């Protein structure tokens, strides 16, 4: 059996996400951008955020809560907390962290040549293909929508 030890994603040392034997470290900008993109993908925020909003969102992803809101987004999170929290695998915090981790995992697999980025002209979207399997496109697990409790400016 050919067991390949996969590398860990690293862009800095400001934030750390660990899962099993994988340890991903992020610089502040990389982590912040990934958290913001995850929130957009989940439909929780409408688009790019302002500085204080980003700060509150990162605090949520890192600490699991926003104790001292710096923006209307932080206040919204606290006001809708009952809808955003819940079972660990169903909370907004879980899904933010999961998408940040998944994105870094995919980026590392691309860097190592295990995956390639492909463009689907039919859907105008990018995806990931496995070069060693005739460029078979991988299917990512779907994520829930948080649009019902989304932050609106």
N, C-alpha and C. Protein backbone atom coordinates (compact mmCIF):
# COMPACT_ATOMS: atom_id res chain seq x y z
N UNK A 1 0.85 -1.17 0.00
CA UNK A 1 0.00 0.00 0.00
C UNK A 1 0.90 1.23 0.00
N UNK A 2 0.56 2.19 -0.85
CA UNK A 2 1.33 3.42 -0.96
C UNK A 2 0.72 4.47 -0.06
N UNK A 3 1.30 4.63 1.13
CA UNK A 3 0.78 5.61 2.09
C UNK A 3 1.58 6.90 1.96
N UNK A 4 0.92 7.94 1.52
CA UNK A 4 1.57 9.23 1.35
C UNK A 4 1.19 10.11 2.52
N UNK A 5 2.19 10.66 3.18
CA UNK A 5 1.92 11.59 4.27
C UNK A 5 1.63 12.94 3.65
N UNK A 6 0.46 13.46 3.91
CA UNK A 6 0.06 14.74 3.36
C UNK A 6 0.65 15.87 4.17
N UNK A 7 0.98 16.94 3.46
CA UNK A 7 1.51 18.11 4.13
C UNK A 7 0.43 18.92 4.79
N UNK A 8 0.84 19.74 5.71
CA UNK A 8 -0.07 20.64 6.40
C UNK A 8 -0.05 22.00 5.72
N UNK A 9 -1.20 22.60 5.60
CA UNK A 9 -1.31 23.94 5.02
C UNK A 9 -0.70 24.94 5.99
N UNK A 10 0.07 25.89 5.44
CA UNK A 10 0.69 26.90 6.28
C UNK A 10 0.83 28.21 5.51
N UNK A 11 0.25 29.28 6.09
CA UNK A 11 0.44 30.62 5.52
C UNK A 11 0.95 31.59 6.57
N UNK A 12 1.07 31.12 7.79
CA UNK A 12 1.53 31.95 8.89
C UNK A 12 1.29 31.24 10.20
N UNK A 13 1.34 31.98 11.29
CA UNK A 13 1.19 31.34 12.60
C UNK A 13 0.19 32.06 13.51
N UNK A 14 -0.65 32.90 12.95
CA UNK A 14 -1.60 33.65 13.77
C UNK A 14 -2.79 32.81 14.24
N UNK A 15 -3.24 31.88 13.40
CA UNK A 15 -4.39 31.04 13.72
C UNK A 15 -4.06 29.59 13.39
N UNK A 16 -4.62 28.67 14.17
CA UNK A 16 -4.36 27.24 13.97
C UNK A 16 -5.69 26.49 13.96
N UNK A 17 -5.86 25.60 12.98
CA UNK A 17 -6.98 24.67 12.95
C UNK A 17 -6.39 23.27 12.88
N UNK A 18 -6.86 22.38 13.73
CA UNK A 18 -6.36 21.01 13.75
C UNK A 18 -7.52 20.05 13.59
N UNK A 19 -7.26 18.99 12.85
CA UNK A 19 -8.22 17.92 12.70
C UNK A 19 -7.43 16.63 12.52
N UNK A 20 -7.56 15.72 13.46
CA UNK A 20 -6.77 14.50 13.40
C UNK A 20 -5.29 14.83 13.40
N UNK A 21 -4.57 14.30 12.41
CA UNK A 21 -3.14 14.55 12.30
C UNK A 21 -2.82 15.82 11.51
N UNK A 22 -3.83 16.46 10.97
CA UNK A 22 -3.60 17.66 10.17
C UNK A 22 -3.59 18.89 11.06
N UNK A 23 -2.65 19.76 10.79
CA UNK A 23 -2.52 21.03 11.53
C UNK A 23 -2.32 22.13 10.50
N UNK A 24 -3.30 22.98 10.37
CA UNK A 24 -3.24 24.06 9.39
C UNK A 24 -3.02 25.37 10.14
N UNK A 25 -2.04 26.14 9.70
CA UNK A 25 -1.76 27.43 10.33
C UNK A 25 -1.94 28.54 9.31
N UNK A 26 -2.47 29.66 9.77
CA UNK A 26 -2.85 30.76 8.89
C UNK A 26 -2.27 32.07 9.38
N UNK A 27 -1.92 32.93 8.44
CA UNK A 27 -1.62 34.31 8.84
C UNK A 27 -2.97 35.02 9.00
N UNK A 28 -2.94 36.18 9.60
CA UNK A 28 -4.19 36.88 9.91
C UNK A 28 -5.01 37.20 8.67
N UNK A 29 -4.37 37.70 7.64
CA UNK A 29 -5.10 38.08 6.43
C UNK A 29 -5.74 36.87 5.75
N UNK A 30 -4.97 35.79 5.60
CA UNK A 30 -5.48 34.58 4.98
C UNK A 30 -6.68 34.05 5.74
N UNK A 31 -6.55 33.94 7.06
CA UNK A 31 -7.64 33.41 7.88
C UNK A 31 -8.88 34.30 7.79
N UNK A 32 -8.68 35.60 7.90
CA UNK A 32 -9.80 36.54 7.83
C UNK A 32 -10.53 36.42 6.50
N UNK A 33 -9.78 36.37 5.40
CA UNK A 33 -10.40 36.25 4.08
C UNK A 33 -11.15 34.93 3.95
N UNK A 34 -10.59 33.87 4.48
CA UNK A 34 -11.26 32.56 4.39
C UNK A 34 -12.54 32.53 5.22
N UNK A 35 -12.53 33.13 6.39
CA UNK A 35 -13.73 33.18 7.23
C UNK A 35 -14.81 34.01 6.53
N UNK A 36 -14.41 35.14 5.97
CA UNK A 36 -15.37 36.00 5.26
C UNK A 36 -15.96 35.26 4.06
N UNK A 37 -15.13 34.59 3.28
CA UNK A 37 -15.63 33.84 2.13
C UNK A 37 -16.56 32.70 2.55
N UNK A 38 -16.24 32.05 3.66
CA UNK A 38 -17.10 30.99 4.18
C UNK A 38 -18.48 31.55 4.54
N UNK A 39 -18.50 32.71 5.21
CA UNK A 39 -19.77 33.33 5.60
C UNK A 39 -20.59 33.73 4.37
N UNK A 40 -19.91 34.18 3.32
CA UNK A 40 -20.61 34.53 2.08
C UNK A 40 -21.17 33.27 1.44
N UNK A 41 -20.36 32.20 1.37
CA UNK A 41 -20.80 30.94 0.77
C UNK A 41 -22.00 30.36 1.52
N UNK A 42 -22.03 30.53 2.82
CA UNK A 42 -23.14 30.03 3.63
C UNK A 42 -24.38 30.92 3.54
N UNK A 43 -24.25 32.08 2.89
CA UNK A 43 -25.37 33.00 2.76
C UNK A 43 -25.62 33.80 4.02
N UNK A 44 -24.65 33.82 4.94
CA UNK A 44 -24.85 34.53 6.20
C UNK A 44 -24.56 36.03 6.07
N UNK A 45 -23.64 36.40 5.19
CA UNK A 45 -23.36 37.81 4.92
C UNK A 45 -23.51 38.04 3.42
N UNK A 46 -23.91 39.26 3.01
CA UNK A 46 -24.21 39.51 1.60
C UNK A 46 -22.99 39.67 0.70
N UNK A 47 -21.86 39.97 1.26
CA UNK A 47 -20.67 40.21 0.45
C UNK A 47 -19.54 40.71 1.33
N UNK A 48 -18.55 41.32 0.73
CA UNK A 48 -17.40 41.80 1.51
C UNK A 48 -17.83 42.68 2.68
N UNK A 49 -17.13 42.51 3.79
CA UNK A 49 -17.45 43.21 5.03
C UNK A 49 -16.50 44.36 5.30
N UNK A 50 -16.91 45.23 6.19
CA UNK A 50 -16.06 46.31 6.67
C UNK A 50 -15.17 45.77 7.79
N UNK A 51 -14.18 46.54 8.20
CA UNK A 51 -13.20 46.10 9.19
C UNK A 51 -13.77 45.57 10.49
N UNK A 52 -14.66 46.33 11.13
CA UNK A 52 -15.22 45.91 12.41
C UNK A 52 -16.12 44.68 12.24
N UNK A 53 -16.82 44.59 11.11
CA UNK A 53 -17.65 43.43 10.84
C UNK A 53 -16.78 42.18 10.70
N UNK A 54 -15.68 42.32 9.96
CA UNK A 54 -14.73 41.20 9.81
C UNK A 54 -14.19 40.77 11.16
N UNK A 55 -13.87 41.75 12.00
CA UNK A 55 -13.35 41.45 13.34
C UNK A 55 -14.34 40.61 14.14
N UNK A 56 -15.61 40.98 14.10
CA UNK A 56 -16.63 40.22 14.82
C UNK A 56 -16.79 38.81 14.25
N UNK A 57 -16.74 38.70 12.93
CA UNK A 57 -16.89 37.39 12.29
C UNK A 57 -15.71 36.48 12.64
N UNK A 58 -14.50 37.01 12.63
CA UNK A 58 -13.32 36.23 13.00
C UNK A 58 -13.41 35.83 14.48
N UNK A 59 -13.84 36.75 15.34
CA UNK A 59 -14.02 36.40 16.75
C UNK A 59 -15.00 35.26 16.91
N UNK A 60 -16.06 35.27 16.13
CA UNK A 60 -17.03 34.18 16.19
C UNK A 60 -16.38 32.86 15.78
N UNK A 61 -15.64 32.87 14.68
CA UNK A 61 -15.01 31.64 14.20
C UNK A 61 -13.95 31.12 15.17
N UNK A 62 -13.21 32.02 15.78
CA UNK A 62 -12.12 31.61 16.68
C UNK A 62 -12.64 31.24 18.06
N UNK A 63 -13.47 32.10 18.64
CA UNK A 63 -13.89 31.93 20.03
C UNK A 63 -15.24 31.24 20.20
N UNK A 64 -15.97 31.09 19.12
CA UNK A 64 -17.29 30.48 19.21
C UNK A 64 -18.37 31.41 19.69
N UNK A 65 -18.04 32.69 19.85
CA UNK A 65 -19.00 33.69 20.29
C UNK A 65 -18.42 35.07 20.05
N UNK A 66 -19.27 36.08 20.17
CA UNK A 66 -18.83 37.48 20.08
C UNK A 66 -19.22 38.13 21.40
N UNK A 67 -18.27 38.24 22.32
CA UNK A 67 -18.59 38.75 23.65
C UNK A 67 -18.76 40.26 23.68
N UNK A 68 -17.95 40.97 22.89
CA UNK A 68 -18.05 42.43 22.85
C UNK A 68 -18.13 42.86 21.38
N UNK A 69 -19.35 42.96 20.84
CA UNK A 69 -19.51 43.31 19.43
C UNK A 69 -18.85 44.64 19.09
N UNK A 70 -18.16 44.65 17.96
CA UNK A 70 -17.53 45.88 17.45
C UNK A 70 -18.34 46.48 16.31
N UNK A 71 -19.41 45.78 15.90
CA UNK A 71 -20.18 46.22 14.74
C UNK A 71 -21.62 45.75 14.85
N UNK A 72 -22.43 46.20 13.90
CA UNK A 72 -23.81 45.73 13.82
C UNK A 72 -23.87 44.23 13.53
N UNK A 73 -22.87 43.69 12.84
CA UNK A 73 -22.83 42.25 12.59
C UNK A 73 -22.69 41.50 13.91
N UNK A 74 -21.80 41.94 14.78
CA UNK A 74 -21.64 41.31 16.08
C UNK A 74 -22.92 41.38 16.90
N UNK A 75 -23.60 42.50 16.84
CA UNK A 75 -24.88 42.65 17.54
C UNK A 75 -25.92 41.70 16.96
N UNK A 76 -25.93 41.57 15.62
CA UNK A 76 -26.85 40.65 14.95
C UNK A 76 -26.59 39.21 15.39
N UNK A 77 -25.32 38.84 15.45
CA UNK A 77 -24.96 37.49 15.88
C UNK A 77 -25.51 37.22 17.28
N UNK A 78 -25.31 38.16 18.18
CA UNK A 78 -25.79 37.98 19.55
C UNK A 78 -27.32 37.97 19.63
N UNK A 79 -27.97 38.80 18.84
CA UNK A 79 -29.43 38.86 18.84
C UNK A 79 -30.05 37.57 18.28
N UNK A 80 -29.37 36.94 17.33
CA UNK A 80 -29.88 35.72 16.68
C UNK A 80 -29.19 34.47 17.19
N UNK A 81 -28.52 34.57 18.34
CA UNK A 81 -27.68 33.47 18.83
C UNK A 81 -28.44 32.15 18.92
N UNK A 82 -29.68 32.17 19.36
CA UNK A 82 -30.45 30.93 19.48
C UNK A 82 -30.59 30.23 18.12
N UNK A 83 -30.66 31.00 17.05
CA UNK A 83 -30.78 30.42 15.71
C UNK A 83 -29.43 30.00 15.13
N UNK A 84 -28.35 30.61 15.61
CA UNK A 84 -27.01 30.37 15.05
C UNK A 84 -26.25 29.27 15.78
N UNK A 85 -26.60 29.05 17.04
CA UNK A 85 -25.92 28.02 17.80
C UNK A 85 -26.74 26.74 17.72
N UNK A 86 -26.52 25.84 18.58
CA UNK A 86 -27.25 24.58 18.55
C UNK A 86 -26.28 23.44 18.57
N UNK A 87 -26.72 22.31 18.08
CA UNK A 87 -25.85 21.13 18.03
C UNK A 87 -24.56 21.51 17.30
N UNK A 88 -23.44 21.01 17.79
CA UNK A 88 -22.13 21.46 17.28
C UNK A 88 -22.01 21.31 15.77
N UNK A 89 -22.55 20.24 15.20
CA UNK A 89 -22.42 20.07 13.76
C UNK A 89 -23.46 20.85 12.96
N UNK A 90 -24.28 21.59 13.65
CA UNK A 90 -25.31 22.38 12.98
C UNK A 90 -25.20 23.87 13.26
N UNK A 91 -24.16 24.26 13.96
CA UNK A 91 -24.01 25.67 14.31
C UNK A 91 -23.27 26.43 13.21
N UNK A 92 -23.48 27.72 13.18
CA UNK A 92 -22.77 28.56 12.22
C UNK A 92 -21.27 28.50 12.47
N UNK A 93 -20.86 28.46 13.72
CA UNK A 93 -19.42 28.38 14.05
C UNK A 93 -18.82 27.13 13.43
N UNK A 94 -19.49 26.00 13.58
CA UNK A 94 -19.00 24.74 13.00
C UNK A 94 -18.81 24.88 11.49
N UNK A 95 -19.80 25.45 10.82
CA UNK A 95 -19.73 25.54 9.36
C UNK A 95 -18.70 26.55 8.89
N UNK A 96 -18.50 27.64 9.61
CA UNK A 96 -17.43 28.57 9.25
C UNK A 96 -16.08 27.87 9.34
N UNK A 97 -15.83 27.20 10.45
CA UNK A 97 -14.56 26.49 10.64
C UNK A 97 -14.39 25.39 9.61
N UNK A 98 -15.47 24.67 9.34
CA UNK A 98 -15.40 23.56 8.39
C UNK A 98 -15.02 24.05 6.99
N UNK A 99 -15.63 25.14 6.55
CA UNK A 99 -15.32 25.65 5.21
C UNK A 99 -13.92 26.25 5.14
N UNK A 100 -13.46 26.89 6.21
CA UNK A 100 -12.08 27.40 6.24
C UNK A 100 -11.12 26.23 6.12
N UNK A 101 -11.36 25.19 6.90
CA UNK A 101 -10.50 24.01 6.88
C UNK A 101 -10.54 23.33 5.51
N UNK A 102 -11.75 23.16 4.97
CA UNK A 102 -11.88 22.49 3.68
C UNK A 102 -11.16 23.26 2.59
N UNK A 103 -11.28 24.58 2.59
CA UNK A 103 -10.59 25.38 1.59
C UNK A 103 -9.08 25.24 1.67
N UNK A 104 -8.54 25.26 2.89
CA UNK A 104 -7.10 25.10 3.07
C UNK A 104 -6.66 23.70 2.68
N UNK A 105 -7.46 22.69 3.02
CA UNK A 105 -7.15 21.30 2.66
C UNK A 105 -7.09 21.17 1.13
N UNK A 106 -8.07 21.73 0.45
CA UNK A 106 -8.09 21.68 -1.01
C UNK A 106 -6.89 22.41 -1.60
N UNK A 107 -6.58 23.59 -1.07
CA UNK A 107 -5.42 24.35 -1.56
C UNK A 107 -4.13 23.55 -1.39
N UNK A 108 -3.99 22.86 -0.27
CA UNK A 108 -2.79 22.06 -0.03
C UNK A 108 -2.73 20.88 -1.00
N UNK A 109 -3.87 20.25 -1.29
CA UNK A 109 -3.90 19.14 -2.24
C UNK A 109 -3.53 19.62 -3.65
N UNK A 110 -3.93 20.84 -4.02
CA UNK A 110 -3.55 21.42 -5.31
C UNK A 110 -2.04 21.66 -5.32
N UNK A 111 -1.54 22.25 -4.27
CA UNK A 111 -0.11 22.54 -4.17
C UNK A 111 0.72 21.27 -4.31
N UNK A 112 0.25 20.17 -3.75
CA UNK A 112 0.98 18.91 -3.79
C UNK A 112 0.74 18.12 -5.08
N UNK A 113 -0.13 18.63 -5.96
CA UNK A 113 -0.38 17.97 -7.23
C UNK A 113 -1.42 16.86 -7.17
N UNK A 114 -2.04 16.69 -6.04
CA UNK A 114 -3.05 15.65 -5.88
C UNK A 114 -4.38 16.05 -6.53
N UNK A 115 -4.63 17.36 -6.59
CA UNK A 115 -5.82 17.90 -7.24
C UNK A 115 -5.42 18.99 -8.22
N UNK A 116 -6.26 19.21 -9.20
CA UNK A 116 -6.07 20.30 -10.16
C UNK A 116 -7.35 21.13 -10.19
N UNK A 117 -7.20 22.42 -10.41
CA UNK A 117 -8.36 23.29 -10.52
C UNK A 117 -8.86 23.24 -11.96
N UNK A 118 -10.17 23.05 -12.11
CA UNK A 118 -10.78 22.98 -13.44
C UNK A 118 -11.94 23.96 -13.52
N UNK A 119 -12.25 24.40 -14.73
CA UNK A 119 -13.36 25.31 -14.96
C UNK A 119 -14.45 24.59 -15.73
N UNK A 120 -15.67 24.65 -15.22
CA UNK A 120 -16.82 24.05 -15.88
C UNK A 120 -17.55 25.14 -16.64
N UNK A 121 -17.44 25.11 -17.97
CA UNK A 121 -18.05 26.15 -18.79
C UNK A 121 -19.58 26.13 -18.72
N UNK A 122 -20.15 24.96 -18.50
CA UNK A 122 -21.61 24.87 -18.44
C UNK A 122 -22.18 25.63 -17.25
N UNK A 123 -21.50 25.56 -16.11
CA UNK A 123 -22.01 26.22 -14.91
C UNK A 123 -21.23 27.49 -14.54
N UNK A 124 -20.17 27.78 -15.32
CA UNK A 124 -19.30 28.93 -15.03
C UNK A 124 -18.75 28.89 -13.60
N UNK A 125 -18.35 27.71 -13.17
CA UNK A 125 -17.79 27.54 -11.83
C UNK A 125 -16.48 26.79 -11.90
N UNK A 126 -15.70 26.93 -10.84
CA UNK A 126 -14.46 26.18 -10.72
C UNK A 126 -14.69 24.97 -9.84
N UNK A 127 -13.89 23.95 -10.07
CA UNK A 127 -13.96 22.75 -9.27
C UNK A 127 -12.59 22.14 -9.15
N UNK A 128 -12.54 20.94 -8.60
CA UNK A 128 -11.28 20.24 -8.38
C UNK A 128 -11.35 18.88 -9.06
N UNK A 129 -10.28 18.54 -9.78
CA UNK A 129 -10.20 17.26 -10.47
C UNK A 129 -8.98 16.49 -9.97
N UNK A 130 -9.06 15.18 -10.10
CA UNK A 130 -7.98 14.29 -9.68
C UNK A 130 -7.16 13.88 -10.90
N UNK A 131 -5.97 14.46 -11.06
CA UNK A 131 -5.14 14.14 -12.24
C UNK A 131 -4.82 12.67 -12.38
N UNK A 132 -4.65 11.95 -11.28
CA UNK A 132 -4.30 10.53 -11.35
C UNK A 132 -5.50 9.63 -11.60
N UNK A 133 -6.68 10.22 -11.78
CA UNK A 133 -7.90 9.47 -12.07
C UNK A 133 -8.60 10.06 -13.29
N UNK A 134 -7.83 10.28 -14.34
CA UNK A 134 -8.36 10.82 -15.59
C UNK A 134 -9.11 12.14 -15.38
N UNK A 135 -8.61 12.97 -14.50
CA UNK A 135 -9.20 14.27 -14.17
C UNK A 135 -10.66 14.20 -13.75
N UNK A 136 -10.98 13.13 -13.03
CA UNK A 136 -12.32 12.99 -12.47
C UNK A 136 -12.55 14.13 -11.47
N UNK A 137 -13.66 14.83 -11.65
CA UNK A 137 -13.99 15.96 -10.78
C UNK A 137 -14.53 15.43 -9.46
N UNK A 138 -14.03 15.97 -8.36
CA UNK A 138 -14.54 15.54 -7.06
C UNK A 138 -15.78 16.36 -6.71
N UNK A 139 -16.65 15.73 -5.96
CA UNK A 139 -17.87 16.42 -5.54
C UNK A 139 -17.72 16.78 -4.07
N UNK A 140 -17.84 18.07 -3.76
CA UNK A 140 -17.74 18.54 -2.39
C UNK A 140 -19.10 18.39 -1.71
N UNK A 141 -19.07 18.05 -0.43
CA UNK A 141 -20.33 17.92 0.30
C UNK A 141 -21.02 19.28 0.37
N UNK A 142 -22.33 19.28 0.25
CA UNK A 142 -23.05 20.56 0.29
C UNK A 142 -23.04 21.16 1.69
N UNK A 143 -23.18 22.46 1.74
CA UNK A 143 -23.24 23.16 3.01
C UNK A 143 -24.64 23.76 3.15
N UNK A 144 -25.09 23.94 4.38
CA UNK A 144 -26.42 24.51 4.58
C UNK A 144 -26.44 26.01 4.28
N UNK A 145 -27.62 26.51 4.07
CA UNK A 145 -27.79 27.94 3.86
C UNK A 145 -28.19 28.59 5.20
N UNK A 146 -27.56 29.72 5.45
CA UNK A 146 -27.90 30.49 6.64
C UNK A 146 -28.63 31.78 6.25
N UNK A 147 -29.23 31.78 5.06
CA UNK A 147 -29.90 32.98 4.55
C UNK A 147 -31.06 33.43 5.42
N UNK A 148 -31.75 32.47 6.07
CA UNK A 148 -32.90 32.83 6.91
C UNK A 148 -32.53 33.69 8.10
N UNK A 149 -31.30 33.60 8.55
CA UNK A 149 -30.85 34.38 9.71
C UNK A 149 -29.67 35.28 9.32
N UNK A 150 -29.58 35.58 8.04
CA UNK A 150 -28.45 36.35 7.51
C UNK A 150 -28.41 37.76 8.05
N UNK A 151 -27.18 38.27 8.04
CA UNK A 151 -26.94 39.66 8.41
C UNK A 151 -27.21 40.53 7.19
N UNK A 152 -28.00 41.56 7.37
CA UNK A 152 -28.29 42.50 6.28
C UNK A 152 -27.94 43.89 6.77
N UNK A 153 -27.25 44.60 5.96
CA UNK A 153 -26.85 45.97 6.35
C UNK A 153 -28.03 46.91 6.28
